Amino acid sequence: MDYLKKVQGKEYEMLVLFDDFCKRNNLKYFLGGGTLLGAVRHNGFIPWDDDIDICMLREDYTKFLELWQDSDKYTLVNYKTSKDYYLFHSKITYNNSKMYSRFVRDDVDFNLGVFIDIFPMDYVHDDYEQVLKDRHKLWIWWRILNMSSFSKVIALKDKKTPVIEYPLRFISWIIHKFVGRKRAIKNLEKKVMKYKYTNHFANYFTPYTMERDIYPTYLADNLIEHQFGNGKFPIYHDYDVALQIEYGPDYMEIPKNVAPNSHHDIQLLEIDGVTYIKNGEIL
């Protein structure tokens, strides 16, 4: 898959850039998700992976947002830089590219190219049931933030989106008109930073069940450098604990027959003026 090698190459360049930026500014980060799994199992990318997952505790993440400066090549995208961006983590995107999945409309006010994800990790309550309650409140505000324009309400361009999304989006859009974007963001930020320090941290906005994304705090206090591609980058010293939480005890087993372009269902991919995927079809 030539397109995947091109994507991974650009993402690796951004990882090296990000790593250098963090070292120069004394910021702590660590590889997470599929990138952590790739580092441990493959010493690099999972062969079919098309993104890089980076995690930062909230304090370092906030400093990163304050210090980062865009360049001709790379742009930071998040809900503070774009009114159409609704995810609660940031992306650094390669400007001379486009990489749209079926979840990204083509009329947004930012360019989403080949990217790396940067996830803020927040302290959560040590009782799992309370974490679920806290997350439920967050997701209500997140949905309100997401429905900032009516075009998002009607933008169901594929058959994979459940029909129930129509009324849910419409209701969220109506509430958004009364609540407003600034209030939604203020409430979200207040709630995610509710706990100053606990024995666990998590990504509240994980697409998985919460139990797959809650980690003991000590993991982030003990990091090591591990091979990923041609370089070494920070991961948990006790990475086995983290990988079992997210992927189960058999995480070292490599799945078979993974379909091309199955991870993010890319609909359009352009890099440096060359189109690799169009309308979901690999060219």
Protein backbone atom coordinates (compact mmCIF):
# COMPACT_ATOMS: atom_id res chain seq x y z
CA MET A 1 0.00 0.00 0.00
CA ASP A 2 2.09 2.90 -1.31
CA TYR A 3 -0.29 5.52 0.10
CA LEU A 4 0.14 4.14 3.63
CA LYS A 5 3.94 4.36 3.45
CA LYS A 6 3.59 7.97 2.35
CA VAL A 7 1.18 8.77 5.20
CA GLN A 8 3.32 7.05 7.81
CA GLY A 9 6.43 8.80 6.54
CA LYS A 10 4.86 12.25 6.91
CA GLU A 11 3.48 11.37 10.34
CA TYR A 12 6.88 10.13 11.49
CA GLU A 13 8.39 13.47 10.43
CA MET A 14 5.78 15.23 12.57
CA LEU A 15 6.51 12.92 15.53
CA VAL A 16 10.22 13.79 15.33
CA LEU A 17 9.32 17.49 15.15
CA PHE A 18 6.95 17.18 18.12
CA ASP A 19 9.51 15.24 20.15
CA ASP A 20 12.13 17.94 19.56
CA PHE A 21 9.62 20.66 20.46
CA CYS A 22 8.76 18.95 23.75
CA LYS A 23 12.40 18.41 24.69
CA ARG A 24 13.24 22.06 24.02
CA ASN A 25 10.30 23.21 26.15
CA ASN A 26 10.59 20.60 28.92
CA LEU A 27 7.19 19.07 28.17
CA LYS A 28 6.35 15.46 28.99
CA TYR A 29 4.45 13.25 26.59
CA PHE A 30 4.16 9.54 25.82
CA LEU A 31 3.01 7.37 22.94
CA GLY A 32 -0.50 5.95 23.38
CA GLY A 33 -3.14 3.81 21.72
CA GLY A 34 -2.15 2.08 18.50
CA THR A 35 1.17 3.92 18.42
CA LEU A 36 2.17 2.46 21.78
CA LEU A 37 1.06 -0.96 20.57
CA GLY A 38 3.04 -0.48 17.36
CA ALA A 39 6.15 0.52 19.31
CA VAL A 40 6.03 -2.56 21.54
CA ARG A 41 4.85 -5.13 18.97
CA HIS A 42 6.46 -3.82 15.77
CA ASN A 43 9.10 -1.29 16.89
CA GLY A 44 7.20 1.15 14.67
CA PHE A 45 3.83 1.56 13.01
CA ILE A 46 1.24 -1.19 13.08
CA PRO A 47 1.47 -2.11 9.37
CA TRP A 48 -2.06 -0.87 8.55
CA ASP A 49 -2.16 2.12 10.93
CA ASP A 50 -2.64 5.57 9.43
CA ASP A 51 -2.15 7.90 12.40
CA ILE A 52 0.01 8.57 15.44
CA ASP A 53 -1.41 8.83 18.97
CA ILE A 54 0.36 11.06 21.49
CA CYS A 55 -0.77 11.58 25.09
CA MET A 56 0.01 14.39 27.53
CA LEU A 57 -1.20 15.01 31.05
CA ARG A 58 -3.38 18.12 31.12
CA GLU A 59 -0.72 20.43 32.62
CA ASP A 60 1.79 19.65 29.85
CA TYR A 61 -0.92 19.74 27.21
CA THR A 62 -2.00 23.23 28.26
CA LYS A 63 1.60 24.46 28.11
CA PHE A 64 1.99 22.87 24.69
CA LEU A 65 -1.02 24.80 23.37
CA GLU A 66 0.41 28.04 24.75
CA LEU A 67 3.88 27.54 23.27
CA TRP A 68 3.16 26.02 19.87
CA GLN A 69 3.52 28.21 16.79
CA ASP A 70 2.30 27.22 13.34
CA SER A 71 4.67 27.17 10.39
CA ASP A 72 4.40 27.04 6.61
CA LYS A 73 4.43 23.23 6.81
CA TYR A 74 2.41 22.43 9.92
CA THR A 75 -0.73 23.76 11.62
CA LEU A 76 -2.24 23.02 15.02
CA VAL A 77 -5.98 22.33 14.81
CA ASN A 78 -8.38 22.16 17.76
CA TYR A 79 -11.66 23.63 19.00
CA LYS A 80 -9.88 26.86 19.95
CA THR A 81 -8.39 27.45 16.49
CA SER A 82 -11.50 26.47 14.52
CA LYS A 83 -15.21 26.92 15.18
CA ASP A 84 -15.99 23.84 13.07
CA TYR A 85 -13.63 21.55 14.98
CA TYR A 86 -15.46 19.65 17.71
CA LEU A 87 -13.06 16.99 18.99
CA PHE A 88 -11.60 17.62 22.44
CA HIS A 89 -8.03 16.82 21.46
CA SER A 90 -5.65 18.54 19.05
CA LYS A 91 -4.10 17.56 15.75
CA ILE A 92 -0.94 18.77 14.07
CA THR A 93 -1.62 18.60 10.36
CA TYR A 94 0.69 18.70 7.33
CA ASN A 95 -0.45 21.71 5.32
CA ASN A 96 0.35 20.42 1.83
CA SER A 97 -2.08 17.53 2.14
CA LYS A 98 -5.74 16.59 2.59
CA MET A 99 -6.92 13.54 4.50
CA TYR A 100 -10.67 13.36 4.97
CA SER A 101 -12.58 10.46 6.47
CA ARG A 102 -16.32 10.00 6.16
CA PHE A 103 -16.72 11.94 9.41
CA VAL A 104 -15.21 15.17 8.04
CA ARG A 105 -17.25 17.44 5.78
CA ASP A 106 -15.60 19.39 2.99
CA ASP A 107 -17.06 22.76 4.08
CA VAL A 108 -15.27 23.12 7.43
CA ASP A 109 -13.12 26.15 8.25
CA PHE A 110 -9.87 24.21 8.61
CA ASN A 111 -7.74 21.99 6.41
CA LEU A 112 -7.28 18.49 7.75
CA GLY A 113 -4.28 16.90 6.13
CA VAL A 114 -2.06 14.03 7.23
CA PHE A 115 -1.96 14.44 11.00
CA ILE A 116 -0.85 13.29 14.41
CA ASP A 117 -3.29 13.22 17.33
CA ILE A 118 -2.41 14.82 20.67
CA PHE A 119 -4.70 13.72 23.50
CA PRO A 120 -4.98 15.51 26.86
CA MET A 121 -5.22 13.01 29.70
CA ASP A 122 -7.17 14.14 32.76
CA TYR A 123 -7.30 12.87 36.31
CA VAL A 124 -10.52 10.98 37.00
CA HIS A 125 -12.32 9.75 40.09
CA ASP A 126 -10.92 6.50 41.49
CA ASP A 127 -14.40 4.96 41.55
CA TYR A 128 -15.30 3.63 38.10
CA GLU A 129 -19.04 4.24 38.45
CA GLN A 130 -18.39 7.90 39.27
CA VAL A 131 -16.14 8.16 36.20
CA LEU A 132 -19.04 6.97 34.05
CA LYS A 133 -21.35 9.56 35.59
CA ASP A 134 -18.79 12.31 34.99
CA ARG A 135 -18.30 11.19 31.42
CA HIS A 136 -22.02 11.18 30.70
CA LYS A 137 -22.26 14.84 31.73
CA LEU A 138 -19.28 15.65 29.51
CA TRP A 139 -20.74 13.94 26.49
CA ILE A 140 -23.94 15.97 26.70
CA TRP A 141 -21.94 19.20 26.44
CA TRP A 142 -19.69 17.73 23.75
CA ARG A 143 -22.68 16.91 21.55
CA ILE A 144 -24.00 20.44 22.00
CA LEU A 145 -20.59 21.83 20.99
CA ASN A 146 -20.50 19.56 17.95
CA MET A 147 -23.79 20.80 16.55
CA SER A 148 -22.65 24.39 15.97
CA SER A 149 -24.11 24.67 12.46
CA PHE A 150 -27.23 23.28 10.83
CA SER A 151 -25.19 21.77 7.99
CA LYS A 152 -23.80 19.30 10.52
CA VAL A 153 -27.33 18.26 11.42
CA ILE A 154 -28.18 17.23 7.87
CA ALA A 155 -24.69 16.04 6.83
CA LEU A 156 -25.31 12.31 6.84
CA LYS A 157 -23.65 11.32 3.60
CA ASP A 158 -23.23 7.60 4.15
CA LYS A 159 -25.30 4.58 5.05
CA LYS A 160 -23.15 3.72 8.05
CA THR A 161 -24.58 6.48 10.23
CA PRO A 162 -27.66 5.36 12.23
CA VAL A 163 -30.93 7.07 11.28
CA ILE A 164 -31.44 7.99 14.95
CA GLU A 165 -28.65 10.54 14.45
CA TYR A 166 -31.08 12.84 12.60
CA PRO A 167 -33.31 13.72 15.59
CA LEU A 168 -30.37 13.65 18.03
CA ARG A 169 -28.39 16.13 15.94
CA PHE A 170 -31.40 18.36 15.44
CA ILE A 171 -32.15 18.50 19.18
CA SER A 172 -28.48 19.20 19.92
CA TRP A 173 -28.43 21.98 17.32
CA ILE A 174 -31.52 23.63 18.87
CA ILE A 175 -29.92 23.50 22.33
CA HIS A 176 -26.70 24.93 20.88
CA LYS A 177 -28.60 27.95 19.56
CA PHE A 178 -29.68 28.78 23.13
CA VAL A 179 -26.51 27.73 24.98
CA GLY A 180 -23.80 28.97 22.61
CA ARG A 181 -20.36 27.63 21.74
CA LYS A 182 -18.44 29.57 24.42
CA ARG A 183 -20.64 28.30 27.22
CA ALA A 184 -20.38 24.72 25.98
CA ILE A 185 -16.57 24.94 25.87
CA LYS A 186 -16.43 26.57 29.31
CA ASN A 187 -18.52 23.78 30.83
CA LEU A 188 -16.49 21.07 29.13
CA GLU A 189 -13.16 22.49 30.28
CA LYS A 190 -14.44 22.92 33.83
CA LYS A 191 -15.68 19.35 34.03
CA VAL A 192 -12.63 17.63 32.49
CA MET A 193 -10.34 19.44 34.94
CA LYS A 194 -12.56 18.75 37.94
CA TYR A 195 -9.97 16.60 39.75
CA LYS A 196 -6.54 18.08 40.47
CA TYR A 197 -4.87 14.76 41.25
CA THR A 198 -6.10 11.18 41.69
CA ASN A 199 -4.71 7.67 41.31
CA HIS A 200 -6.04 7.38 37.74
CA PHE A 201 -6.08 9.39 34.53
CA ALA A 202 -8.02 8.90 31.32
CA ASN A 203 -9.09 10.20 27.96
CA TYR A 204 -12.70 11.15 28.72
CA PHE A 205 -13.54 11.27 25.01
CA THR A 206 -12.28 7.84 24.06
CA PRO A 207 -14.30 6.12 21.32
CA TYR A 208 -14.00 2.92 23.35
CA THR A 209 -15.63 1.92 26.61
CA MET A 210 -14.18 3.92 29.49
CA GLU A 211 -12.61 0.87 31.11
CA ARG A 212 -10.27 0.60 28.10
CA ASP A 213 -8.87 4.09 28.61
CA ILE A 214 -8.37 4.55 32.38
CA TYR A 215 -4.81 4.12 33.59
CA PRO A 216 -3.00 4.16 36.95
CA THR A 217 -1.33 7.53 37.46
CA TYR A 218 2.02 5.94 38.28
CA LEU A 219 2.37 4.89 34.63
CA ALA A 220 2.87 8.50 33.51
CA ASP A 221 5.43 9.07 36.26
CA ASN A 222 7.76 6.36 34.96
CA LEU A 223 8.65 6.66 31.28
CA ILE A 224 11.35 5.05 29.15
CA GLU A 225 12.62 5.61 25.61
CA HIS A 226 11.53 2.89 23.18
CA GLN A 227 12.24 2.19 19.54
CA PHE A 228 9.70 3.48 17.04
CA GLY A 229 10.92 3.53 13.45
CA ASN A 230 14.39 5.05 13.27
CA GLY A 231 14.17 6.81 16.62
CA LYS A 232 13.31 6.35 20.27
CA PHE A 233 10.36 8.01 21.97
CA PRO A 234 8.76 8.02 25.45
CA ILE A 235 6.43 5.21 26.51
CA TYR A 236 5.32 3.85 29.89
CA HIS A 237 8.01 1.83 31.67
CA ASP A 238 5.22 -0.57 32.68
CA TYR A 239 3.73 -0.62 29.16
CA ASP A 240 2.41 -4.17 29.59
CA VAL A 241 -0.14 -2.90 32.15
CA ALA A 242 -1.36 -0.14 29.81
CA LEU A 243 -1.59 -2.40 26.75
CA GLN A 244 -3.52 -5.06 28.65
CA ILE A 245 -5.98 -2.41 29.83
CA GLU A 246 -6.63 -1.20 26.28
CA TYR A 247 -6.18 -4.35 24.17
CA GLY A 248 -6.37 -7.31 26.54
CA PRO A 249 -3.78 -9.97 27.42
CA ASP A 250 -3.26 -11.10 23.80
CA TYR A 251 -2.12 -7.73 22.46
CA MET A 252 1.06 -9.23 20.98
CA GLU A 253 -0.96 -11.38 18.58
CA ILE A 254 -1.14 -9.83 15.11
CA PRO A 255 -4.65 -9.83 13.55
CA LYS A 256 -4.98 -11.45 10.15
CA ASN A 257 -6.64 -10.23 6.95
CA VAL A 258 -6.96 -6.57 7.90
CA ALA A 259 -8.63 -4.77 4.97
CA PRO A 260 -6.85 -1.79 3.39
CA ASN A 261 -8.12 1.65 4.50
CA SER A 262 -10.24 0.08 7.24
CA HIS A 263 -8.94 2.13 10.17
CA HIS A 264 -10.21 5.64 9.44
CA ASP A 265 -12.16 4.90 6.25
CA ILE A 266 -10.32 7.64 4.32
CA GLN A 267 -12.43 9.17 1.57
CA LEU A 268 -9.86 11.64 0.18
CA LEU A 269 -6.08 11.58 0.47
CA GLU A 270 -3.82 14.08 -1.25
CA ILE A 271 -0.14 14.57 -0.37
CA ASP A 272 2.16 17.06 -2.07
CA GLY A 273 -0.19 17.39 -5.03
CA VAL A 274 -0.64 13.65 -5.60
CA THR A 275 -4.04 12.00 -5.03
CA TYR A 276 -3.84 8.54 -3.46
CA ILE A 277 -7.49 7.98 -2.42
CA LYS A 278 -10.63 9.50 -3.94
CA ASN A 279 -14.23 8.78 -2.95
CA GLY A 280 -12.92 6.05 -0.66
CA GLU A 281 -11.16 4.20 -3.50
CA ILE A 282 -7.39 3.60 -3.45
CA LEU A 283 -5.98 4.80 -6.77
